[in-house]
């Protein structure tokens, strides 16, 4: 019985290297529910409190050209909040120094915009000092990290990132709405 050397070498390589892994986003066993944010005016926003429901987490800034997106975010909250959607705004001064204020100043801006969804305390969302949620989200989707204000992560019912939407994507864009509706409890 004669065995071709190429076949034998291929079989040996497969045995040593194991099965090939599919390329794509990294999915860890840790979910978004492991994280929490301090609230803008105290308390804690525990993502575990929203387990099994979609969460849209958006890094925000009070003095950005995209600040009017608060209006669209509020529209989503009004439309889908009673069906299980949670929106959490995370003020950050990481990009362009456009969130320089303290909690009371940020609170005045969001109040003036008519925002009623939860707002976290100001946090870093990029770099080595980023909030742990943002480090985790970057590991789940390495090519889709915040590079400016109003970057949006949609956490699905399973606690993993179900969608990532760039700064320029309006909150009421049909792609965001479709992704949210897909994740709403039946």
Foldseek 3Di string as FASTA:
>chain_A
DDDDPVVVVVVVCCVVVDDDDDDDFDDDPDFLQVDWFAFLVGDIGRVVVLALAKEKEFEAFLQDPLNLLLLLVQVCCVVCVVLRYAYEYAYECQPPNRHVDGSVVVVVSSVVSVDDGTYGGHAALDDPRGGPSSVVLCNRPVVQGAPHGGWIFMQANNRHTQDTDYSPQRSPPVVNVVSNVVRGDD
